C-alpha cells in the first residue's frame, strides 16, 4: 500500500510540474512577432486619415474655447451661430471695453480655415475690419498657427500646424454653421 501512495504522490508532482512548464512556455513564448508587427503597423499610418469627427456648433465652440484658454494673454471667447463670433475685452483709456467680431468660416483646400471678417463692433460702435485686424495683428500675442491678414480682412487658422498631440494632426473637412455640421479629419503624423 505504501508503494501505491508513493507512486501517486510522484505522479501528482509530475503533473503539477508539467502544468507549470506548459503555462510558463505559453506565457514566455511567441508574442514577440505580434508585438513587432503591431509596432510596424503603427508607424505606417503617418499621413493617413485615421478617422473623421462630426460635431455641432456647441461642441466645437467648447473645444475652441478650451484651446484658447491654454494661450497666455489672450482674452477671447468663441460663439458659433450661423457665423463665428469672437468676443473679447480690451482696455481703452483705463476702462474695459467689449468687442465682437463676426466672421464667416471657409475650409481651404489644405484643411486650414479662413475666417472672413463680416462685422466688427467695439462697444456699440461699428468699426472697419481692416483697421481692427491690423490692431489685432500688432497688439495681440496670437498662437503661431493663427495668421492675421488685415488687408484681406481675414484670419487664417492653420489647423494643419496646430499642436494637438504629437502623433496626430487635424484638417477641416466641412464647416456648415447654418446646418450645424462641422467635420474634422484626423491624420497620423
N, C-alpha and C. Protein backbone atom coordinates (compact mmCIF):
# COMPACT_ATOMS: atom_id res chain seq x y z
N UNK A 1 0.81 -1.18 0.00
CA UNK A 1 0.00 0.00 0.00
C UNK A 1 0.87 1.27 0.00
N UNK A 2 2.00 1.21 0.71
CA UNK A 2 2.89 2.35 0.76
C UNK A 2 3.40 2.69 -0.64
N UNK A 3 3.67 1.71 -1.43
CA UNK A 3 4.18 1.91 -2.79
C UNK A 3 3.17 2.63 -3.66
N UNK A 4 1.91 2.27 -3.52
CA UNK A 4 0.84 2.87 -4.30
C UNK A 4 0.75 4.37 -3.99
N UNK A 5 0.81 4.77 -2.72
CA UNK A 5 0.75 6.18 -2.34
C UNK A 5 2.00 6.92 -2.80
N UNK A 6 3.10 6.25 -2.76
CA UNK A 6 4.36 6.84 -3.18
C UNK A 6 4.29 7.19 -4.67
N UNK A 7 3.80 6.23 -5.49
CA UNK A 7 3.69 6.45 -6.94
C UNK A 7 2.63 7.51 -7.25
N UNK A 8 1.58 7.53 -6.49
CA UNK A 8 0.53 8.54 -6.69
C UNK A 8 1.07 9.93 -6.39
N UNK A 9 1.87 10.05 -5.34
CA UNK A 9 2.47 11.32 -4.99
C UNK A 9 3.39 11.81 -6.12
N UNK A 10 4.26 10.93 -6.63
CA UNK A 10 5.17 11.30 -7.71
C UNK A 10 4.42 11.63 -9.00
N UNK A 11 3.35 10.93 -9.27
CA UNK A 11 2.53 11.21 -10.47
C UNK A 11 1.88 12.59 -10.35
N UNK A 12 1.33 12.86 -9.17
CA UNK A 12 0.71 14.17 -8.95
C UNK A 12 1.76 15.29 -9.04
N UNK A 13 2.92 15.10 -8.46
CA UNK A 13 4.01 16.09 -8.53
C UNK A 13 4.44 16.30 -9.98
N UNK A 14 4.52 15.20 -10.75
CA UNK A 14 4.91 15.30 -12.16
C UNK A 14 3.86 16.09 -12.95
N UNK A 15 2.59 15.83 -12.68
CA UNK A 15 1.52 16.57 -13.38
C UNK A 15 1.61 18.05 -13.05
N UNK A 16 1.84 18.39 -11.78
CA UNK A 16 1.96 19.80 -11.37
C UNK A 16 3.14 20.46 -12.07
N UNK A 17 4.29 19.79 -12.12
CA UNK A 17 5.47 20.33 -12.78
C UNK A 17 5.21 20.52 -14.27
N UNK A 18 4.55 19.54 -14.90
CA UNK A 18 4.26 19.64 -16.34
C UNK A 18 3.31 20.82 -16.60
N UNK A 19 2.29 20.98 -15.76
CA UNK A 19 1.35 22.10 -15.93
C UNK A 19 2.09 23.43 -15.79
N UNK A 20 2.98 23.53 -14.81
CA UNK A 20 3.75 24.77 -14.62
C UNK A 20 4.63 25.03 -15.83
N UNK A 21 5.28 24.00 -16.38
CA UNK A 21 6.13 24.16 -17.55
C UNK A 21 5.32 24.59 -18.77
N UNK A 22 4.15 23.98 -18.96
CA UNK A 22 3.30 24.33 -20.10
C UNK A 22 2.83 25.78 -19.97
N UNK A 23 2.37 26.18 -18.79
CA UNK A 23 1.91 27.55 -18.59
C UNK A 23 3.05 28.54 -18.81
N UNK A 24 4.21 28.26 -18.27
CA UNK A 24 5.37 29.14 -18.44
C UNK A 24 5.75 29.25 -19.91
N UNK A 25 5.73 28.13 -20.64
CA UNK A 25 6.10 28.19 -22.05
C UNK A 25 5.07 28.99 -22.86
N UNK A 26 3.78 28.91 -22.49
CA UNK A 26 2.77 29.69 -23.18
C UNK A 26 2.94 31.18 -22.90
N UNK A 27 3.29 31.51 -21.67
CA UNK A 27 3.46 32.92 -21.31
C UNK A 27 4.69 33.51 -21.97
N UNK A 28 5.80 32.80 -21.93
CA UNK A 28 7.08 33.36 -22.37
C UNK A 28 7.44 33.08 -23.82
N UNK A 29 6.63 32.35 -24.55
CA UNK A 29 6.95 32.08 -25.96
C UNK A 29 5.99 32.84 -26.85
N UNK A 30 6.41 33.11 -28.07
CA UNK A 30 5.56 33.81 -29.04
C UNK A 30 5.34 35.24 -28.62
N UNK A 31 4.42 35.89 -29.28
CA UNK A 31 4.08 37.26 -28.90
C UNK A 31 5.06 38.30 -29.43
N UNK A 32 6.36 37.97 -29.46
CA UNK A 32 7.34 38.96 -29.93
C UNK A 32 7.05 39.32 -31.38
N UNK A 33 6.72 38.34 -32.19
CA UNK A 33 6.44 38.61 -33.60
C UNK A 33 5.21 39.51 -33.72
N UNK A 34 4.16 39.20 -32.95
CA UNK A 34 2.96 40.02 -32.99
C UNK A 34 3.25 41.43 -32.49
N UNK A 35 4.07 41.54 -31.45
CA UNK A 35 4.43 42.85 -30.91
C UNK A 35 5.20 43.66 -31.95
N UNK A 36 6.17 43.02 -32.62
CA UNK A 36 6.95 43.70 -33.65
C UNK A 36 6.07 44.14 -34.82
N UNK A 37 5.11 43.28 -35.21
CA UNK A 37 4.20 43.62 -36.30
C UNK A 37 3.32 44.80 -35.90
N UNK A 38 2.84 44.81 -34.67
CA UNK A 38 2.00 45.91 -34.20
C UNK A 38 2.77 47.21 -34.21
N UNK A 39 4.03 47.16 -33.83
CA UNK A 39 4.87 48.35 -33.81
C UNK A 39 5.08 48.88 -35.23
N UNK A 40 5.30 47.98 -36.19
CA UNK A 40 5.49 48.39 -37.58
C UNK A 40 4.22 48.98 -38.16
N UNK A 41 3.07 48.42 -37.83
CA UNK A 41 1.80 48.90 -38.36
C UNK A 41 1.55 50.32 -37.89
N UNK A 42 1.82 50.63 -36.63
CA UNK A 42 1.59 51.97 -36.10
C UNK A 42 2.37 53.02 -36.86
N UNK A 43 3.60 52.73 -37.25
CA UNK A 43 4.42 53.68 -37.96
C UNK A 43 3.95 53.93 -39.37
N UNK A 44 3.23 52.98 -39.95
CA UNK A 44 2.82 53.11 -41.35
C UNK A 44 1.59 53.99 -41.52
N UNK A 45 0.99 54.49 -40.44
CA UNK A 45 -0.20 55.33 -40.55
C UNK A 45 0.12 56.82 -40.65
N UNK A 46 1.39 57.17 -40.65
CA UNK A 46 1.76 58.58 -40.76
C UNK A 46 1.25 59.14 -42.08
N UNK A 47 0.53 60.25 -41.99
CA UNK A 47 -0.02 60.89 -43.18
C UNK A 47 -1.34 60.32 -43.66
N UNK A 48 -1.80 59.25 -43.05
CA UNK A 48 -3.05 58.62 -43.46
C UNK A 48 -4.19 59.04 -42.53
N UNK A 49 -5.38 59.13 -43.10
CA UNK A 49 -6.54 59.52 -42.30
C UNK A 49 -6.89 58.41 -41.32
N UNK A 50 -7.03 58.78 -40.04
CA UNK A 50 -7.37 57.82 -39.01
C UNK A 50 -8.88 57.75 -38.81
N UNK A 51 -9.53 58.91 -38.73
CA UNK A 51 -10.98 58.96 -38.56
C UNK A 51 -11.46 60.38 -38.79
N UNK A 52 -12.78 60.54 -38.85
CA UNK A 52 -13.40 61.85 -39.03
C UNK A 52 -14.29 62.14 -37.83
N UNK A 53 -14.19 63.36 -37.33
CA UNK A 53 -15.02 63.80 -36.22
C UNK A 53 -16.15 64.64 -36.80
N UNK A 54 -17.38 64.28 -36.47
CA UNK A 54 -18.56 65.06 -36.86
C UNK A 54 -19.12 65.66 -35.56
N UNK A 55 -19.30 66.96 -35.57
CA UNK A 55 -19.78 67.61 -34.36
C UNK A 55 -20.69 68.78 -34.73
N UNK A 56 -21.23 69.38 -33.71
CA UNK A 56 -22.10 70.55 -33.89
C UNK A 56 -21.43 71.81 -33.39
N UNK A 57 -22.16 72.92 -33.51
CA UNK A 57 -21.62 74.23 -33.15
C UNK A 57 -21.27 74.33 -31.66
N UNK A 58 -22.15 73.83 -30.81
CA UNK A 58 -21.94 73.95 -29.37
C UNK A 58 -20.68 73.21 -28.92
N UNK A 59 -20.51 71.99 -29.41
CA UNK A 59 -19.34 71.18 -29.04
C UNK A 59 -18.06 71.79 -29.61
N UNK A 60 -18.12 72.26 -30.85
CA UNK A 60 -16.94 72.86 -31.47
C UNK A 60 -16.53 74.13 -30.74
N UNK A 61 -17.52 74.96 -30.36
CA UNK A 61 -17.22 76.19 -29.62
C UNK A 61 -16.57 75.86 -28.28
N UNK A 62 -17.06 74.82 -27.61
CA UNK A 62 -16.49 74.40 -26.33
C UNK A 62 -15.01 74.04 -26.52
N UNK A 63 -14.70 73.22 -27.53
CA UNK A 63 -13.31 72.80 -27.78
C UNK A 63 -12.42 73.99 -28.15
N UNK A 64 -12.95 74.89 -28.98
CA UNK A 64 -12.16 76.07 -29.37
C UNK A 64 -11.87 76.95 -28.16
N UNK A 65 -12.86 77.16 -27.32
CA UNK A 65 -12.65 77.98 -26.13
C UNK A 65 -11.65 77.35 -25.18
N UNK A 66 -11.66 76.02 -25.07
CA UNK A 66 -10.66 75.34 -24.23
C UNK A 66 -9.26 75.52 -24.80
N UNK A 67 -9.13 75.44 -26.13
CA UNK A 67 -7.83 75.64 -26.77
C UNK A 67 -7.36 77.08 -26.57
N UNK A 68 -8.27 78.04 -26.67
CA UNK A 68 -7.93 79.45 -26.48
C UNK A 68 -7.49 79.71 -25.03
N UNK A 69 -8.17 79.07 -24.07
CA UNK A 69 -7.81 79.25 -22.65
C UNK A 69 -6.37 78.87 -22.36
N UNK A 70 -5.83 77.93 -23.13
CA UNK A 70 -4.44 77.50 -22.92
C UNK A 70 -3.43 78.53 -23.40
N UNK A 71 -3.87 79.48 -24.21
CA UNK A 71 -2.98 80.52 -24.71
C UNK A 71 -2.86 81.62 -23.66
N UNK A 72 -1.66 82.04 -23.40
CA UNK A 72 -1.45 83.09 -22.41
C UNK A 72 -1.76 84.45 -23.02
N UNK A 73 -2.25 85.35 -22.21
CA UNK A 73 -2.53 86.74 -22.60
C UNK A 73 -3.49 86.85 -23.78
N UNK A 74 -4.44 85.95 -23.87
CA UNK A 74 -5.43 86.00 -24.95
C UNK A 74 -6.81 85.94 -24.32
N UNK A 75 -7.44 87.11 -24.19
CA UNK A 75 -8.77 87.21 -23.59
C UNK A 75 -9.79 87.18 -24.72
N UNK A 76 -10.21 85.99 -25.09
CA UNK A 76 -11.06 85.80 -26.25
C UNK A 76 -11.99 84.63 -26.02
N UNK A 77 -13.21 84.73 -26.51
CA UNK A 77 -14.19 83.64 -26.45
C UNK A 77 -14.81 83.48 -27.82
N UNK A 78 -15.23 82.27 -28.13
CA UNK A 78 -15.85 81.96 -29.42
C UNK A 78 -17.28 81.52 -29.18
N UNK A 79 -18.17 82.03 -30.03
CA UNK A 79 -19.56 81.56 -30.04
C UNK A 79 -19.90 81.26 -31.49
N UNK A 80 -20.52 80.11 -31.72
CA UNK A 80 -20.90 79.73 -33.08
C UNK A 80 -22.41 79.81 -33.24
N UNK A 81 -22.83 80.64 -34.17
CA UNK A 81 -24.25 80.73 -34.56
C UNK A 81 -24.25 80.38 -36.04
N UNK A 82 -24.92 81.14 -36.87
CA UNK A 82 -24.79 80.95 -38.32
C UNK A 82 -23.47 81.52 -38.82
N UNK A 83 -22.79 82.26 -37.97
CA UNK A 83 -21.44 82.75 -38.21
C UNK A 83 -20.60 82.48 -36.97
N UNK A 84 -19.30 82.63 -37.11
CA UNK A 84 -18.41 82.52 -35.96
C UNK A 84 -18.30 83.90 -35.34
N UNK A 85 -18.51 83.98 -34.04
CA UNK A 85 -18.41 85.26 -33.35
C UNK A 85 -17.28 85.17 -32.32
N UNK A 86 -16.39 86.14 -32.40
CA UNK A 86 -15.29 86.24 -31.45
C UNK A 86 -15.59 87.40 -30.51
N UNK A 87 -15.51 87.14 -29.22
CA UNK A 87 -15.74 88.16 -28.21
C UNK A 87 -14.47 88.33 -27.40
N UNK A 88 -14.17 89.57 -27.06
CA UNK A 88 -13.00 89.82 -26.24
C UNK A 88 -13.15 91.13 -25.49
N UNK A 89 -12.13 91.43 -24.70
CA UNK A 89 -12.11 92.68 -23.93
C UNK A 89 -10.78 93.37 -24.19
N UNK A 90 -10.88 94.69 -24.34
CA UNK A 90 -9.65 95.48 -24.47
C UNK A 90 -9.75 96.65 -23.49
N UNK A 91 -8.61 97.17 -23.14
CA UNK A 91 -8.55 98.30 -22.21
C UNK A 91 -8.44 99.58 -23.04
N UNK A 92 -9.45 100.46 -22.91
CA UNK A 92 -9.46 101.74 -23.62
C UNK A 92 -9.57 102.86 -22.58
N UNK A 93 -8.51 103.65 -22.49
CA UNK A 93 -8.47 104.78 -21.55
C UNK A 93 -8.79 104.32 -20.12
N UNK A 94 -8.23 103.18 -19.74
CA UNK A 94 -8.40 102.68 -18.38
C UNK A 94 -9.73 101.99 -18.12
N UNK A 95 -10.55 101.85 -19.13
CA UNK A 95 -11.83 101.16 -18.98
C UNK A 95 -11.84 99.93 -19.88
N UNK A 96 -12.46 98.90 -19.36
CA UNK A 96 -12.57 97.67 -20.13
C UNK A 96 -13.74 97.77 -21.10
N UNK A 97 -13.47 97.53 -22.37
CA UNK A 97 -14.49 97.61 -23.42
C UNK A 97 -14.57 96.25 -24.10
N UNK A 98 -15.82 95.81 -24.34
CA UNK A 98 -16.05 94.52 -25.00
C UNK A 98 -16.10 94.74 -26.51
N UNK A 99 -15.46 93.86 -27.24
CA UNK A 99 -15.55 93.90 -28.70
C UNK A 99 -16.11 92.58 -29.22
N UNK A 100 -16.65 92.64 -30.42
CA UNK A 100 -17.22 91.46 -31.06
C UNK A 100 -16.87 91.49 -32.53
N UNK A 101 -16.46 90.36 -33.05
CA UNK A 101 -16.15 90.26 -34.47
C UNK A 101 -16.92 89.07 -35.04
N UNK A 102 -17.73 89.33 -36.07
CA UNK A 102 -18.46 88.25 -36.74
C UNK A 102 -17.67 87.83 -37.97
N UNK A 103 -17.54 86.51 -38.15
CA UNK A 103 -16.73 86.00 -39.24
C UNK A 103 -17.43 84.83 -39.92
N UNK A 104 -17.17 84.70 -41.20
CA UNK A 104 -17.70 83.57 -41.97
C UNK A 104 -16.54 82.60 -42.23
N UNK A 105 -16.64 81.36 -41.75
CA UNK A 105 -15.55 80.40 -41.97
C UNK A 105 -15.60 79.78 -43.36
N UNK A 106 -14.40 79.54 -43.89
CA UNK A 106 -14.25 78.86 -45.18
C UNK A 106 -13.17 77.79 -45.03
N UNK A 107 -13.49 76.57 -45.45
CA UNK A 107 -12.50 75.50 -45.42
C UNK A 107 -11.61 75.64 -46.65
N UNK A 108 -10.31 75.73 -46.42
CA UNK A 108 -9.34 75.84 -47.51
C UNK A 108 -8.98 74.45 -48.03
N UNK A 109 -8.48 74.34 -49.26
CA UNK A 109 -8.16 73.02 -49.83
C UNK A 109 -7.18 72.18 -48.99
N UNK A 110 -6.29 72.82 -48.25
CA UNK A 110 -5.32 72.07 -47.44
C UNK A 110 -5.86 71.67 -46.07
N UNK A 111 -7.12 72.05 -45.74
CA UNK A 111 -7.71 71.69 -44.46
C UNK A 111 -7.61 72.77 -43.40
N UNK A 112 -7.02 73.91 -43.74
CA UNK A 112 -6.99 75.05 -42.82
C UNK A 112 -8.33 75.80 -42.92
N UNK A 113 -8.50 76.78 -42.05
CA UNK A 113 -9.71 77.61 -42.07
C UNK A 113 -9.36 79.06 -42.36
N UNK A 114 -10.15 79.67 -43.23
CA UNK A 114 -10.07 81.11 -43.46
C UNK A 114 -11.31 81.71 -42.81
N UNK A 115 -11.11 82.67 -41.92
CA UNK A 115 -12.21 83.35 -41.25
C UNK A 115 -12.32 84.75 -41.85
N UNK A 116 -13.37 84.98 -42.63
CA UNK A 116 -13.57 86.26 -43.31
C UNK A 116 -14.39 87.19 -42.42
N UNK A 117 -13.83 88.36 -42.13
CA UNK A 117 -14.48 89.34 -41.25
C UNK A 117 -15.73 89.88 -41.93
N UNK A 118 -16.83 89.90 -41.17
CA UNK A 118 -18.11 90.43 -41.67
C UNK A 118 -18.52 91.69 -40.93
N UNK A 119 -18.19 91.76 -39.64
CA UNK A 119 -18.62 92.89 -38.83
C UNK A 119 -17.74 92.97 -37.60
N UNK A 120 -17.36 94.20 -37.22
CA UNK A 120 -16.58 94.41 -36.00
C UNK A 120 -17.26 95.51 -35.20
N UNK A 121 -17.50 95.21 -33.93
CA UNK A 121 -18.09 96.19 -33.03
C UNK A 121 -17.22 96.32 -31.79
N UNK A 122 -16.96 97.55 -31.40
CA UNK A 122 -16.31 97.82 -30.13
C UNK A 122 -17.34 98.61 -29.34
N UNK A 123 -17.81 97.99 -28.27
CA UNK A 123 -18.98 98.54 -27.58
C UNK A 123 -20.15 98.42 -28.54
N UNK A 124 -20.78 99.57 -28.86
CA UNK A 124 -21.88 99.57 -29.85
C UNK A 124 -21.45 100.21 -31.17
N UNK A 125 -20.19 100.56 -31.26
CA UNK A 125 -19.67 101.25 -32.44
C UNK A 125 -19.15 100.25 -33.47
N UNK A 126 -19.65 100.32 -34.72
CA UNK A 126 -19.13 99.51 -35.81
C UNK A 126 -17.83 100.12 -36.33
N UNK A 127 -16.83 99.27 -36.50
CA UNK A 127 -15.53 99.73 -36.97
C UNK A 127 -15.13 98.99 -38.24
N UNK A 128 -14.26 99.60 -39.06
CA UNK A 128 -13.77 98.93 -40.26
C UNK A 128 -12.89 97.73 -39.88
N UNK A 129 -13.15 96.60 -40.52
CA UNK A 129 -12.44 95.37 -40.20
C UNK A 129 -10.94 95.44 -40.43
N UNK A 130 -10.51 96.11 -41.50
CA UNK A 130 -9.08 96.17 -41.82
C UNK A 130 -8.29 96.82 -40.69
N UNK A 131 -8.78 97.94 -40.15
CA UNK A 131 -8.06 98.63 -39.09
C UNK A 131 -8.05 97.79 -37.80
N UNK A 132 -9.17 97.17 -37.51
CA UNK A 132 -9.24 96.34 -36.29
C UNK A 132 -8.31 95.14 -36.40
N UNK A 133 -8.32 94.48 -37.56
CA UNK A 133 -7.43 93.32 -37.73
C UNK A 133 -5.97 93.74 -37.71
N UNK A 134 -5.68 94.94 -38.22
CA UNK A 134 -4.31 95.46 -38.15
C UNK A 134 -3.91 95.67 -36.70
N UNK A 135 -4.80 96.22 -35.90
CA UNK A 135 -4.56 96.41 -34.47
C UNK A 135 -4.36 95.07 -33.77
N UNK A 136 -5.21 94.10 -34.11
CA UNK A 136 -5.10 92.77 -33.51
C UNK A 136 -3.75 92.13 -33.85
N UNK A 137 -3.37 92.19 -35.11
CA UNK A 137 -2.11 91.54 -35.51
C UNK A 137 -0.89 92.19 -34.87
N UNK A 138 -0.98 93.50 -34.56
CA UNK A 138 0.16 94.20 -33.97
C UNK A 138 0.17 94.19 -32.45
N UNK A 139 -0.98 93.92 -31.81
CA UNK A 139 -1.01 94.06 -30.35
C UNK A 139 -1.37 92.79 -29.59
N UNK A 140 -1.90 91.80 -30.26
CA UNK A 140 -2.32 90.59 -29.56
C UNK A 140 -1.31 89.48 -29.82
N UNK A 141 -0.93 88.78 -28.76
CA UNK A 141 0.01 87.67 -28.88
C UNK A 141 -0.76 86.40 -29.28
N UNK A 142 -0.91 86.20 -30.58
CA UNK A 142 -1.67 85.06 -31.10
C UNK A 142 -0.78 83.83 -31.20
N UNK A 143 -1.38 82.63 -31.15
CA UNK A 143 -0.60 81.42 -31.36
C UNK A 143 0.06 81.43 -32.75
N UNK A 144 1.15 80.69 -32.89
CA UNK A 144 1.89 80.66 -34.16
C UNK A 144 1.05 80.16 -35.32
N UNK A 145 0.05 79.36 -35.03
CA UNK A 145 -0.77 78.77 -36.09
C UNK A 145 -1.94 79.66 -36.51
N UNK A 146 -2.00 80.91 -35.98
CA UNK A 146 -3.03 81.87 -36.37
C UNK A 146 -2.34 83.06 -37.03
N UNK A 147 -2.72 83.34 -38.28
CA UNK A 147 -2.16 84.46 -39.04
C UNK A 147 -3.28 85.44 -39.37
N UNK A 148 -2.99 86.72 -39.21
CA UNK A 148 -3.98 87.76 -39.48
C UNK A 148 -3.55 88.52 -40.74
N UNK A 149 -4.50 88.69 -41.68
CA UNK A 149 -4.26 89.42 -42.91
C UNK A 149 -5.27 90.59 -42.98
N UNK A 150 -4.87 91.76 -42.43
CA UNK A 150 -5.80 92.88 -42.33
C UNK A 150 -6.36 93.36 -43.68
N UNK A 151 -5.52 93.45 -44.71
CA UNK A 151 -5.99 93.97 -46.00
C UNK A 151 -7.04 93.06 -46.62
N UNK A 152 -6.91 91.76 -46.40
CA UNK A 152 -7.90 90.80 -46.92
C UNK A 152 -9.08 90.63 -45.96
N UNK A 153 -8.99 91.29 -44.79
CA UNK A 153 -9.99 91.17 -43.73
C UNK A 153 -10.25 89.70 -43.42
N UNK A 154 -9.14 89.00 -43.14
CA UNK A 154 -9.20 87.56 -42.94
C UNK A 154 -8.23 87.12 -41.85
N UNK A 155 -8.64 86.09 -41.13
CA UNK A 155 -7.76 85.40 -40.18
C UNK A 155 -7.59 83.98 -40.70
N UNK A 156 -6.34 83.56 -40.85
CA UNK A 156 -6.02 82.22 -41.34
C UNK A 156 -5.68 81.34 -40.13
N UNK A 157 -6.52 80.35 -39.87
CA UNK A 157 -6.28 79.40 -38.78
C UNK A 157 -5.65 78.17 -39.39
N UNK A 158 -4.36 77.99 -39.15
CA UNK A 158 -3.60 76.89 -39.74
C UNK A 158 -3.78 75.63 -38.88
N UNK A 159 -4.93 74.98 -39.07
CA UNK A 159 -5.21 73.76 -38.30
C UNK A 159 -4.13 72.71 -38.52
N UNK A 160 -3.58 72.67 -39.72
CA UNK A 160 -2.57 71.65 -40.04
C UNK A 160 -1.26 71.88 -39.29
N UNK A 161 -1.08 73.07 -38.72
CA UNK A 161 0.14 73.35 -37.94
C UNK A 161 -0.14 73.44 -36.44
N UNK A 162 -1.39 73.20 -36.08
CA UNK A 162 -1.78 73.28 -34.67
C UNK A 162 -1.20 72.10 -33.91
N UNK A 163 -0.68 72.36 -32.72
CA UNK A 163 -0.10 71.31 -31.89
C UNK A 163 -1.18 70.71 -30.99
N UNK A 164 -1.76 69.60 -31.42
CA UNK A 164 -2.80 68.96 -30.62
C UNK A 164 -2.18 67.82 -29.83
N UNK A 165 -1.70 66.84 -30.52
CA UNK A 165 -0.96 65.72 -29.94
C UNK A 165 0.21 65.45 -30.87
N UNK A 166 1.27 64.87 -30.34
CA UNK A 166 2.46 64.74 -31.18
C UNK A 166 2.32 63.70 -32.29
N UNK A 167 1.33 62.82 -32.22
CA UNK A 167 1.19 61.80 -33.26
C UNK A 167 -0.01 62.01 -34.17
N UNK A 168 -0.73 63.13 -34.01
CA UNK A 168 -1.88 63.39 -34.89
C UNK A 168 -1.90 64.84 -35.35
N UNK A 169 -2.56 65.06 -36.47
CA UNK A 169 -2.83 66.41 -36.94
C UNK A 169 -4.25 66.41 -37.48
N UNK A 170 -4.83 67.60 -37.57
CA UNK A 170 -6.22 67.71 -37.99
C UNK A 170 -6.33 68.61 -39.21
N UNK A 171 -7.40 68.35 -39.98
CA UNK A 171 -7.74 69.17 -41.14
C UNK A 171 -9.25 69.36 -41.15
N UNK A 172 -9.69 70.57 -41.42
CA UNK A 172 -11.12 70.82 -41.54
C UNK A 172 -11.62 70.17 -42.82
N UNK A 173 -12.76 69.53 -42.72
CA UNK A 173 -13.37 68.91 -43.89
C UNK A 173 -14.59 69.71 -44.34
N UNK A 174 -15.44 70.09 -43.37
CA UNK A 174 -16.63 70.88 -43.67
C UNK A 174 -16.99 71.72 -42.46
N UNK A 175 -17.35 72.97 -42.71
CA UNK A 175 -17.87 73.85 -41.66
C UNK A 175 -19.12 74.52 -42.23
N UNK A 176 -20.26 73.95 -41.89
CA UNK A 176 -21.56 74.45 -42.36
C UNK A 176 -22.35 74.85 -41.11
N UNK A 177 -22.11 76.07 -40.64
CA UNK A 177 -22.72 76.52 -39.40
C UNK A 177 -24.25 76.61 -39.47
N UNK A 178 -24.85 77.11 -40.56
CA UNK A 178 -26.32 77.17 -40.59
C UNK A 178 -26.98 75.79 -40.42
N UNK A 179 -26.31 74.73 -40.87
CA UNK A 179 -26.86 73.38 -40.74
C UNK A 179 -26.24 72.59 -39.59
N UNK A 180 -25.50 73.29 -38.71
CA UNK A 180 -24.91 72.68 -37.51
C UNK A 180 -24.07 71.45 -37.85
N UNK A 181 -23.26 71.56 -38.90
CA UNK A 181 -22.45 70.43 -39.34
C UNK A 181 -20.99 70.85 -39.46
N UNK A 182 -20.16 70.28 -38.60
CA UNK A 182 -18.72 70.54 -38.63
C UNK A 182 -18.03 69.19 -38.66
N UNK A 183 -17.16 69.01 -39.67
CA UNK A 183 -16.41 67.75 -39.81
C UNK A 183 -14.92 68.05 -39.86
N UNK A 184 -14.18 67.29 -39.07
CA UNK A 184 -12.72 67.42 -38.99
C UNK A 184 -12.11 66.05 -39.24
N UNK A 185 -11.15 65.97 -40.15
CA UNK A 185 -10.41 64.73 -40.38
C UNK A 185 -9.18 64.70 -39.47
N UNK A 186 -8.91 63.53 -38.90
CA UNK A 186 -7.75 63.34 -38.03
C UNK A 186 -6.78 62.41 -38.75
N UNK A 187 -5.51 62.83 -38.86
CA UNK A 187 -4.50 62.09 -39.58
C UNK A 187 -3.36 61.68 -38.64
N UNK A 188 -2.70 60.58 -38.98
CA UNK A 188 -1.49 60.19 -38.27
C UNK A 188 -0.35 61.11 -38.68
N UNK A 189 0.57 61.32 -37.77
CA UNK A 189 1.69 62.23 -38.05
C UNK A 189 2.99 61.46 -37.99
